[in-house]
Amino acid sequence: MDYQNFVEQDRVIDAIANYYETPPLAYMHSFGCQQNVNDGEKIKGVLVQLGYGLTDRAEGADLVIFNTCAVREHAEQRVFGNIGALKNLKVANPKMMIAVCGCMVQQKTVVDKIKQSYPYVDIVFGVNGIDQLPHMIGERIRTRKKVIMEPAERTELVENLPIHRDSSFKAWLPIMYGCDNFCSYCIVPFVRGRERSRSAENILAEFRALIQSGYKEITLLGQNVNSYGKGLDHPMDFADLLAMLAEEPGDFRLRFMTSHPKDASRKLIDTIATHDKICNNLHLPVQSGSDSILAQMNRKYNVTEYLSLIRYAKERIPEMTFSSDIIVGFPGETEEDFEKTLELVREVGYVQLFTFIYSKRTGTKAAMMPDSTPYSAKTARISKLLNLHEEFAVNFAEKMVGRKVRVLVDGLGKIEGTWSGRLENNLVAEFSAPENHTGKFVWVNITGHRGILLTGSIAEEQGE
């Protein structure tokens, strides 16, 4: 479905212009994952097309939109706290509109809570409702009543949504939406729906447009990118899609996330090894090093299978670095299970590790599992895990000293006179340079480190 053919946009633009006495401002904040961030960029694109200016403050905004995350309970609590804080702003400016969208409001219990406890919220829509936003704003202005899209799964994909990207040189590019895995702890399939892949033609067109616009780093997004292609009229697996994009001309680099270990293949590793533009960094969430816990999580792989792929990647690409997600304190996790996780972390040697204490999500299978482990034991475990990882990460950073590396400059560093950028292996370097190179690739001599942060200076000779 094409966005431009779906909305009566001119009518809504006129209604917005007549509703406000001055050009309206919109504040949009996304919580959660990179997919949410990309959705937020599309929301901002729609708003700009409707005539809204963008502001980075809720105070003074005529429209406030919270794009929500449902993965962890703490994220939901933060959202409700932020919605509550808007009440006084609404009283001061009755024409101000408040919208809540995203994963949280794909749950009926959340929508009911908003109706009951936050009556000043004007618009509610789910993860697949961005193209409906102009219509909802128009209806709110016309009727002066709330416009609430009840939770529902929507299978069609809307292409060509306008987008206002947060960066001029780094971009997110979704290749698929939803998830079919139903891990026992995860709410994502229930709020983002089942897997739907974009056509390779549409992905390639958007990719080429980004390259032509000067983007230097493009990250392909999906809840499980390795499932890409299922259900398409002309099936293409993820490795083939990755290879096709990597063969495009231009000075850029490719990343992707997230890979599910049960679907990540040796063909994927071979594809990375073959193409220089694909970063030698693999985010492969293991979640636990215990086969029994992995089975309870419904992850559909075991530690032997996971390590087999890691070892193959290390053989094919000696420079490959790895990152992962680990859940500590999953229901039923014993000290022996946790020790197996530590063993796996020692063998893989992750450069980056994203660790979480298990958070119960109502509606998931894990929420009904007995959990007798005290919270104090879980915090002790995660502390031990973080200490182990920090030791490896710092040692890895030490080995980077003396090397000349290519860095994509993000902007100013934390120390005056320095700039910050990311290496292909996903580490960050802070370096001195006489001028601003933001958005460009530069070569940097690594001379030291502060923990996992590399430090250095721009190389006088910028060739390889």
Protein backbone atom coordinates (compact mmCIF):
# COMPACT_ATOMS: atom_id res chain seq x y z
CA MET A 1 0.00 0.00 0.00
CA ASP A 2 1.32 3.44 -0.93
CA TYR A 3 1.04 6.18 1.70
CA GLN A 4 0.34 9.07 -0.65
CA ASN A 5 -2.72 7.34 -2.11
CA PHE A 6 -4.17 6.58 1.32
CA VAL A 7 -4.73 9.93 3.05
CA GLU A 8 -6.64 13.06 2.08
CA GLN A 9 -3.71 15.16 3.14
CA ASP A 10 -4.57 18.62 1.79
CA ARG A 11 -7.81 18.72 3.78
CA VAL A 12 -5.97 17.87 6.98
CA ILE A 13 -3.23 20.43 6.34
CA ASP A 14 -5.88 23.14 5.98
CA ALA A 15 -7.65 22.00 9.16
CA ILE A 16 -4.39 22.16 11.15
CA ALA A 17 -3.51 25.59 9.79
CA ASN A 18 -6.97 26.93 10.72
CA TYR A 19 -6.96 25.31 14.18
CA TYR A 20 -3.80 27.01 15.47
CA GLU A 21 -3.24 30.75 15.70
CA THR A 22 0.47 30.39 14.95
CA PRO A 23 2.50 27.75 13.05
CA PRO A 24 2.21 24.64 15.27
CA LEU A 25 5.11 22.81 16.94
CA ALA A 26 5.30 19.07 17.60
CA TYR A 27 7.38 17.18 20.14
CA MET A 28 7.90 13.47 19.43
CA HIS A 29 9.79 11.09 21.73
CA SER A 30 10.49 7.41 21.03
CA PHE A 31 11.18 4.88 23.76
CA GLY A 32 12.83 1.51 23.20
CA CYS A 33 14.52 -0.22 20.29
CA GLN A 34 15.96 0.93 16.97
CA GLN A 35 12.75 -0.11 15.21
CA ASN A 36 10.90 2.36 17.43
CA VAL A 37 13.44 5.06 16.63
CA ASN A 38 12.86 4.49 12.92
CA ASP A 39 9.09 4.56 13.45
CA GLY A 40 9.59 7.87 15.27
CA GLU A 41 11.48 9.28 12.30
CA LYS A 42 8.52 8.38 10.08
CA ILE A 43 6.08 10.02 12.51
CA LYS A 44 8.17 13.19 12.37
CA GLY A 45 8.20 12.96 8.58
CA VAL A 46 4.39 12.85 8.51
CA LEU A 47 4.16 15.78 10.94
CA VAL A 48 6.52 17.96 8.91
CA GLN A 49 4.48 17.20 5.80
CA LEU A 50 1.36 18.31 7.68
CA GLY A 51 2.95 21.69 8.48
CA TYR A 52 4.26 21.10 12.00
CA GLY A 53 7.62 22.41 13.07
CA LEU A 54 9.62 20.13 15.36
CA THR A 55 10.77 21.01 18.86
CA ASP A 56 12.87 19.13 21.41
CA ARG A 57 10.69 20.19 24.37
CA ALA A 58 7.16 19.24 25.39
CA GLU A 59 6.76 22.66 26.95
CA GLY A 60 5.40 24.99 24.30
CA ALA A 61 4.50 22.18 21.90
CA ASP A 62 1.06 22.07 20.28
CA LEU A 63 1.27 18.31 19.75
CA VAL A 64 3.14 15.82 21.94
CA ILE A 65 3.55 12.22 20.77
CA PHE A 66 5.03 9.41 22.87
CA ASN A 67 6.07 6.43 20.74
CA THR A 68 6.13 3.63 23.30
CA CYS A 69 7.93 0.37 24.05
CA ALA A 70 6.38 -2.69 25.70
CA VAL A 71 9.42 -4.95 26.06
CA ARG A 72 10.01 -4.20 29.76
CA GLU A 73 7.71 -3.12 32.54
CA HIS A 74 10.04 -0.28 33.53
CA ALA A 75 9.61 1.26 30.06
CA GLU A 76 5.83 1.27 30.49
CA GLN A 77 6.10 2.91 33.90
CA ARG A 78 8.29 5.65 32.43
CA VAL A 79 5.73 6.32 29.71
CA PHE A 80 2.85 6.61 32.16
CA GLY A 81 4.96 8.95 34.29
CA ASN A 82 5.66 11.14 31.27
CA ILE A 83 1.99 11.19 30.26
CA GLY A 84 1.04 12.24 33.78
CA ALA A 85 3.51 15.11 33.65
CA LEU A 86 1.68 16.55 30.62
CA LYS A 87 -1.58 17.24 32.47
CA ASN A 88 -0.59 20.73 33.61
CA LEU A 89 0.65 21.63 30.13
CA LYS A 90 -2.72 20.60 28.72
CA VAL A 91 -4.53 22.76 31.27
CA ALA A 92 -2.38 25.75 30.32
CA ASN A 93 -2.92 25.13 26.59
CA PRO A 94 -6.31 23.45 25.93
CA LYS A 95 -5.60 23.23 22.20
CA MET A 96 -2.53 21.11 22.87
CA MET A 97 -2.96 17.53 21.60
CA ILE A 98 -1.42 14.49 23.28
CA ALA A 99 -0.93 11.26 21.35
CA VAL A 100 0.32 7.88 22.54
CA CYS A 101 1.36 5.30 19.98
CA GLY A 102 3.59 2.27 19.48
CA CYS A 103 3.93 -1.13 21.10
CA MET A 104 2.33 -0.38 24.47
CA VAL A 105 -1.01 0.53 22.95
CA GLN A 106 -1.17 -2.71 21.01
CA GLN A 107 -2.31 -4.12 24.38
CA LYS A 108 -5.98 -3.61 25.25
CA THR A 109 -5.21 -3.33 28.97
CA VAL A 110 -2.98 -0.34 28.27
CA VAL A 111 -5.56 1.36 26.04
CA ASP A 112 -8.20 0.84 28.74
CA LYS A 113 -5.87 2.33 31.35
CA ILE A 114 -5.25 5.41 29.18
CA LYS A 115 -9.00 5.88 28.72
CA GLN A 116 -9.65 5.61 32.44
CA SER A 117 -6.65 7.29 34.05
CA TYR A 118 -5.46 9.76 31.40
CA PRO A 119 -8.61 11.29 29.88
CA TYR A 120 -6.63 14.22 28.49
CA VAL A 121 -4.88 11.95 25.94
CA ASP A 122 -6.41 12.83 22.56
CA ILE A 123 -5.07 10.25 20.09
CA VAL A 124 -4.03 6.61 20.46
CA PHE A 125 -2.69 4.42 17.64
CA GLY A 126 -0.62 1.26 17.32
CA VAL A 127 2.64 0.33 15.60
CA ASN A 128 1.03 0.00 12.17
CA GLY A 129 -0.99 3.20 12.33
CA ILE A 130 1.51 5.88 11.32
CA ASP A 131 -0.16 6.36 7.94
CA GLN A 132 -3.44 6.99 9.79
CA LEU A 133 -2.02 9.89 11.82
CA PRO A 134 -3.13 12.70 9.45
CA HIS A 135 -6.69 11.35 9.50
CA MET A 136 -6.68 11.06 13.30
CA ILE A 137 -5.41 14.61 13.79
CA GLY A 138 -8.03 15.84 11.34
CA GLU A 139 -10.80 13.95 13.17
CA ARG A 140 -9.64 15.31 16.54
CA ILE A 141 -9.86 18.87 15.19
CA ARG A 142 -13.20 18.30 13.43
CA THR A 143 -15.06 16.49 16.21
CA ARG A 144 -13.19 17.77 19.31
CA LYS A 145 -13.39 14.16 20.53
CA LYS A 146 -10.71 11.56 21.32
CA VAL A 147 -9.57 9.39 18.42
CA ILE A 148 -8.54 5.94 19.60
CA MET A 149 -7.41 3.11 17.32
CA GLU A 150 -8.20 -0.11 19.19
CA PRO A 151 -5.42 -2.77 19.18
CA ALA A 152 -5.52 -4.91 16.06
CA GLU A 153 -3.01 -6.74 13.90
CA ARG A 154 -2.62 -5.22 10.46
CA THR A 155 -0.85 -7.29 7.84
CA GLU A 156 -0.37 -4.87 4.94
CA LEU A 157 2.85 -2.87 4.67
CA VAL A 158 2.68 0.84 3.92
CA GLU A 159 5.54 2.03 1.73
CA ASN A 160 6.77 5.53 0.92
CA LEU A 161 5.97 7.09 4.26
CA PRO A 162 7.72 10.46 4.57
CA ILE A 163 10.66 10.40 6.98
CA HIS A 164 12.57 13.00 8.97
CA ARG A 165 15.83 11.25 9.85
CA ASP A 166 17.68 12.21 13.02
CA SER A 167 21.06 11.92 11.27
CA SER A 168 22.30 13.06 7.86
CA PHE A 169 24.87 10.26 7.57
CA LYS A 170 23.58 7.26 9.59
CA ALA A 171 20.26 5.62 8.76
CA TRP A 172 17.99 2.80 9.89
CA LEU A 173 16.43 0.75 7.09
CA PRO A 174 13.70 -1.74 8.08
CA ILE A 175 13.62 -4.85 5.90
CA MET A 176 10.84 -6.66 7.78
CA TYR A 177 8.39 -6.26 10.64
CA GLY A 178 7.02 -8.53 13.34
CA CYS A 179 8.22 -11.84 14.75
CA ASP A 180 7.15 -15.49 14.58
CA ASN A 181 9.43 -16.87 17.29
CA PHE A 182 7.31 -16.46 20.45
CA CYS A 183 10.17 -16.65 22.94
CA SER A 184 8.47 -17.35 26.25
CA TYR A 185 9.59 -14.04 27.84
CA CYS A 186 8.86 -11.73 24.91
CA ILE A 187 5.81 -9.63 24.16
CA VAL A 188 6.98 -8.52 20.68
CA PRO A 189 4.96 -11.00 18.55
CA PHE A 190 1.82 -9.92 20.39
CA VAL A 191 2.38 -6.19 19.84
CA ARG A 192 4.22 -6.05 16.50
CA GLY A 193 2.45 -8.99 14.89
CA ARG A 194 3.72 -11.80 12.71
CA GLU A 195 6.64 -11.53 10.29
CA ARG A 196 6.14 -9.49 7.13
CA SER A 197 9.05 -8.89 4.76
CA ARG A 198 9.39 -5.86 2.52
CA SER A 199 10.07 -6.57 -1.13
CA ALA A 200 13.70 -6.55 -2.18
CA GLU A 201 12.82 -3.95 -4.83
CA ASN A 202 11.48 -1.47 -2.27
CA ILE A 203 14.43 -2.06 0.06
CA LEU A 204 16.91 -1.54 -2.77
CA ALA A 205 15.19 1.66 -3.91
CA GLU A 206 15.32 3.13 -0.39
CA PHE A 207 18.91 1.96 0.04
CA ARG A 208 20.03 3.58 -3.20
CA ALA A 209 18.30 6.83 -2.24
CA LEU A 210 20.22 6.85 1.05
CA ILE A 211 23.55 6.28 -0.68
CA GLN A 212 22.81 9.00 -3.23
CA SER A 213 21.98 11.36 -0.34
CA GLY A 214 25.40 10.78 1.20
CA TYR A 215 24.60 8.34 4.01
CA LYS A 216 27.71 6.53 5.20
CA GLU A 217 26.32 3.89 7.55
CA ILE A 218 23.06 2.02 7.01
CA THR A 219 21.70 -0.49 9.52
CA LEU A 220 19.17 -3.03 8.30
CA LEU A 221 16.45 -3.65 10.88
CA GLY A 222 14.19 -6.55 11.76
CA GLN A 223 13.13 -8.42 14.87
CA ASN A 224 14.87 -11.39 13.23
CA VAL A 225 16.62 -10.34 10.04
CA ASN A 226 17.61 -13.93 9.29
CA SER A 227 13.93 -14.76 8.67
CA TYR A 228 13.81 -12.22 5.88
CA GLY A 229 12.11 -13.34 2.67
CA LYS A 230 9.55 -15.78 3.97
CA GLY A 231 6.20 -15.25 2.28
CA LEU A 232 7.46 -13.05 -0.54
CA ASP A 233 6.31 -13.76 -4.09
CA HIS A 234 9.96 -13.99 -5.09
CA PRO A 235 11.73 -15.38 -2.00
CA MET A 236 15.20 -14.12 -1.19
CA ASP A 237 17.03 -15.03 1.99
CA PHE A 238 18.78 -12.48 4.17
CA ALA A 239 22.31 -13.38 3.08
CA ASP A 240 21.35 -12.79 -0.56
CA LEU A 241 19.70 -9.46 0.29
CA LEU A 242 22.79 -8.40 2.23
CA ALA A 243 25.07 -9.34 -0.67
CA MET A 244 22.88 -7.46 -3.15
CA LEU A 245 23.06 -4.25 -1.10
CA ALA A 246 26.78 -4.60 -0.40
CA GLU A 247 27.46 -4.70 -4.13
CA GLU A 248 25.99 -1.23 -4.66
CA PRO A 249 28.61 1.42 -5.58
CA GLY A 250 29.55 4.06 -3.02
CA ASP A 251 31.60 4.67 0.11
CA PHE A 252 29.42 3.27 2.87
CA ARG A 253 29.24 0.46 5.40
CA LEU A 254 26.43 -1.93 6.27
CA ARG A 255 25.24 -3.17 9.65
CA PHE A 256 22.21 -5.25 10.60
CA MET A 257 20.24 -6.27 13.65
CA THR A 258 18.95 -8.41 15.11
CA SER A 259 20.01 -11.94 14.18
CA HIS A 260 18.32 -14.90 15.84
CA PRO A 261 20.83 -17.72 16.50
CA LYS A 262 18.42 -20.42 15.31
CA ASP A 263 18.33 -18.86 11.83
CA ALA A 264 21.80 -17.30 11.52
CA SER A 265 23.74 -19.44 9.05
CA ARG A 266 27.22 -20.14 7.79
CA LYS A 267 26.04 -18.63 4.51
CA LEU A 268 25.55 -15.36 6.39
CA ILE A 269 29.10 -15.54 7.75
CA ASP A 270 30.45 -16.31 4.27
CA THR A 271 28.57 -13.32 2.88
CA ILE A 272 30.11 -11.00 5.49
CA ALA A 273 33.56 -12.43 4.76
CA THR A 274 33.12 -11.81 1.03
CA HIS A 275 32.01 -8.17 1.14
CA ASP A 276 34.22 -5.45 2.59
CA LYS A 277 31.30 -3.03 3.05
CA ILE A 278 29.58 -5.29 5.60
CA CYS A 279 30.90 -4.59 9.10
CA ASN A 280 32.76 -7.43 10.78
CA ASN A 281 30.59 -7.19 13.85
CA LEU A 282 27.81 -9.64 14.70
CA HIS A 283 25.10 -9.03 17.28
CA LEU A 284 23.89 -12.54 18.13
CA PRO A 285 21.72 -12.57 21.27
CA VAL A 286 22.31 -15.79 23.20
CA GLN A 287 20.18 -14.87 26.29
CA SER A 288 21.59 -17.78 28.37
CA GLY A 289 24.43 -20.28 28.37
CA SER A 290 22.25 -23.06 29.80
CA ASP A 291 20.47 -25.48 27.46
CA SER A 292 17.67 -26.05 29.97
CA ILE A 293 17.01 -22.31 30.30
CA LEU A 294 17.18 -21.85 26.52
CA ALA A 295 14.55 -24.58 26.16
CA GLN A 296 12.29 -22.84 28.70
CA MET A 297 12.82 -19.59 26.81
CA ASN A 298 11.71 -21.37 23.59
CA ARG A 299 14.83 -20.18 21.80
CA LYS A 300 15.03 -23.29 19.54
CA TYR A 301 18.82 -23.70 19.64
CA ASN A 302 21.33 -25.04 22.14
CA VAL A 303 24.73 -23.85 23.32
CA THR A 304 26.60 -26.30 21.08
CA GLU A 305 24.83 -24.98 17.98
CA TYR A 306 25.41 -21.38 19.02
CA LEU A 307 29.12 -21.88 19.67
CA SER A 308 29.53 -23.80 16.42
CA LEU A 309 28.47 -20.71 14.45
CA ILE A 310 30.66 -18.43 16.58
CA ARG A 311 33.70 -20.65 16.03
CA TYR A 312 33.05 -20.76 12.29
CA ALA A 313 32.81 -16.97 12.21
CA LYS A 314 36.12 -16.64 14.07
CA GLU A 315 37.79 -19.00 11.57
CA ARG A 316 36.39 -17.25 8.49
CA ILE A 317 36.78 -13.68 9.80
CA PRO A 318 39.55 -13.37 12.42
CA GLU A 319 38.71 -9.65 12.88
CA MET A 320 35.05 -10.38 13.67
CA THR A 321 33.75 -8.98 16.96
CA PHE A 322 30.63 -10.14 18.76
CA SER A 323 27.94 -8.61 20.93
CA SER A 324 24.98 -10.22 22.64
CA ASP A 325 21.96 -9.88 24.94
CA ILE A 326 21.79 -11.89 28.16
CA ILE A 327 18.86 -12.25 30.54
CA VAL A 328 19.87 -12.96 34.14
CA GLY A 329 17.46 -14.50 36.62
CA PHE A 330 15.02 -16.08 34.19
CA PRO A 331 12.43 -18.15 36.13
CA GLY A 332 14.05 -21.35 37.31
CA GLU A 333 17.65 -20.25 36.62
CA THR A 334 19.99 -21.93 39.10
CA GLU A 335 23.55 -21.00 40.04
CA GLU A 336 24.69 -23.88 37.83
CA ASP A 337 22.72 -22.43 34.89
CA PHE A 338 24.28 -19.03 35.51
CA GLU A 339 27.80 -20.48 35.68
CA LYS A 340 27.22 -21.99 32.23
CA THR A 341 26.39 -18.50 30.98
CA LEU A 342 29.69 -17.24 32.38
CA GLU A 343 31.52 -20.10 30.64
CA LEU A 344 29.96 -19.15 27.31
CA VAL A 345 30.84 -15.48 27.78
CA ARG A 346 34.46 -16.44 28.49
CA GLU A 347 34.68 -18.50 25.31
CA VAL A 348 33.01 -16.04 22.94
CA GLY A 349 34.70 -12.91 24.33
CA TYR A 350 32.00 -10.38 23.56
CA VAL A 351 33.15 -6.83 22.88
CA GLN A 352 29.72 -5.55 23.91
CA LEU A 353 27.15 -7.16 26.18
CA PHE A 354 23.63 -5.93 26.89
CA THR A 355 22.49 -7.48 30.15
CA PHE A 356 19.08 -7.46 31.78
CA ILE A 357 17.51 -8.88 34.91
CA TYR A 358 14.42 -10.80 33.83
CA SER A 359 11.33 -8.61 33.70
CA LYS A 360 7.90 -10.28 33.76
CA ARG A 361 5.64 -9.31 30.87
CA THR A 362 1.96 -10.06 31.35
CA GLY A 363 0.63 -12.13 28.46
CA THR A 364 3.80 -14.15 27.92
CA LYS A 365 4.31 -17.81 28.87
CA ALA A 366 7.24 -16.99 31.17
CA ALA A 367 5.03 -14.71 33.27
CA MET A 368 3.25 -17.82 34.54
CA MET A 369 6.43 -19.72 35.43
CA PRO A 370 7.35 -20.06 39.12
CA ASP A 371 10.29 -17.88 40.12
CA SER A 372 11.77 -18.53 43.55
CA THR A 373 15.11 -16.79 43.08
CA PRO A 374 15.37 -13.67 45.27
CA TYR A 375 16.08 -10.39 43.52
CA SER A 376 19.27 -9.96 45.56
CA ALA A 377 20.66 -13.15 44.03
CA LYS A 378 19.82 -11.89 40.54
CA THR A 379 21.59 -8.57 41.11
CA ALA A 380 24.64 -10.44 42.44
CA ARG A 381 24.70 -12.58 39.29
CA ILE A 382 24.44 -9.65 36.91
CA SER A 383 27.21 -7.84 38.79
CA LYS A 384 29.45 -10.87 38.38
CA LEU A 385 28.61 -11.05 34.68
CA LEU A 386 29.35 -7.36 34.14
CA ASN A 387 32.69 -7.63 35.91
CA LEU A 388 33.68 -10.59 33.73
CA HIS A 389 32.70 -8.79 30.56
CA GLU A 390 34.45 -5.57 31.54
CA GLU A 391 37.67 -7.49 32.10
CA PHE A 392 37.56 -8.92 28.58
CA ALA A 393 36.43 -5.67 26.95
CA VAL A 394 39.24 -3.66 28.56
CA ASN A 395 41.80 -6.28 27.49
CA PHE A 396 40.42 -6.08 23.95
CA ALA A 397 40.72 -2.29 23.98
CA GLU A 398 44.33 -2.62 25.14
CA LYS A 399 45.09 -4.78 22.08
CA MET A 400 43.74 -2.01 19.82
CA VAL A 401 46.41 0.43 21.00
CA GLY A 402 48.97 1.09 18.27
CA ARG A 403 46.59 0.39 15.42
CA LYS A 404 45.40 2.72 12.68
CA VAL A 405 41.64 2.39 12.28
CA ARG A 406 38.88 3.82 10.10
CA VAL A 407 36.28 5.78 12.05
CA LEU A 408 32.93 7.28 11.07
CA VAL A 409 32.84 10.56 12.99
CA ASP A 410 29.64 11.15 14.99
CA GLY A 411 30.46 14.53 16.49
CA LEU A 412 32.13 16.10 19.50
CA GLY A 413 33.83 13.94 22.12
CA LYS A 414 33.33 14.34 25.87
CA ILE A 415 36.71 15.97 26.34
CA GLU A 416 37.18 19.46 24.93
CA GLY A 417 39.04 19.46 21.64
CA THR A 418 38.15 15.88 20.77
CA TRP A 419 35.79 14.16 18.34
CA SER A 420 34.01 10.85 18.68
CA GLY A 421 33.30 8.13 16.15
CA ARG A 422 32.59 4.44 15.74
CA LEU A 423 34.86 1.78 14.31
CA GLU A 424 33.70 -1.06 12.09
CA ASN A 425 33.95 -3.40 15.10
CA ASN A 426 31.43 -1.13 16.92
CA LEU A 427 33.88 0.26 19.47
CA VAL A 428 33.96 4.01 19.96
CA ALA A 429 37.08 6.14 19.60
CA GLU A 430 37.61 9.64 20.95
CA PHE A 431 40.38 11.49 19.18
CA SER A 432 41.94 14.88 18.67
CA ALA A 433 41.66 16.58 15.29
CA PRO A 434 42.18 20.17 14.13
CA GLU A 435 38.85 20.40 12.29
CA ASN A 436 35.33 18.99 12.20
CA HIS A 437 34.91 15.75 10.22
CA THR A 438 31.41 14.87 11.43
CA GLY A 439 29.68 12.50 9.03
CA LYS A 440 32.91 11.47 7.31
CA PHE A 441 35.27 8.51 7.46
CA VAL A 442 38.72 9.32 8.84
CA TRP A 443 41.76 7.28 9.84
CA VAL A 444 42.72 7.49 13.49
CA ASN A 445 45.83 6.34 15.32
CA ILE A 446 44.80 4.60 18.56
CA THR A 447 47.23 5.58 21.31
CA GLY A 448 45.35 4.57 24.46
CA HIS A 449 42.00 3.81 26.04
CA ARG A 450 39.78 4.71 29.00
CA GLY A 451 38.11 1.45 29.84
CA ILE A 452 36.45 0.27 26.63
CA LEU A 453 36.65 3.76 25.05
CA LEU A 454 39.57 4.06 22.62
CA THR A 455 41.57 7.28 22.47
CA GLY A 456 43.94 8.69 19.87
CA SER A 457 44.52 11.33 17.22
CA ILE A 458 43.62 11.73 13.60
CA ALA A 459 46.25 10.23 11.30
CA GLU A 460 48.25 12.70 9.23
CA GLU A 461 48.15 10.32 6.28
CA GLN A 462 44.51 9.51 5.48
CA GLY A 463 45.12 6.74 2.95
CA GLU A 464 45.03 3.05 3.87
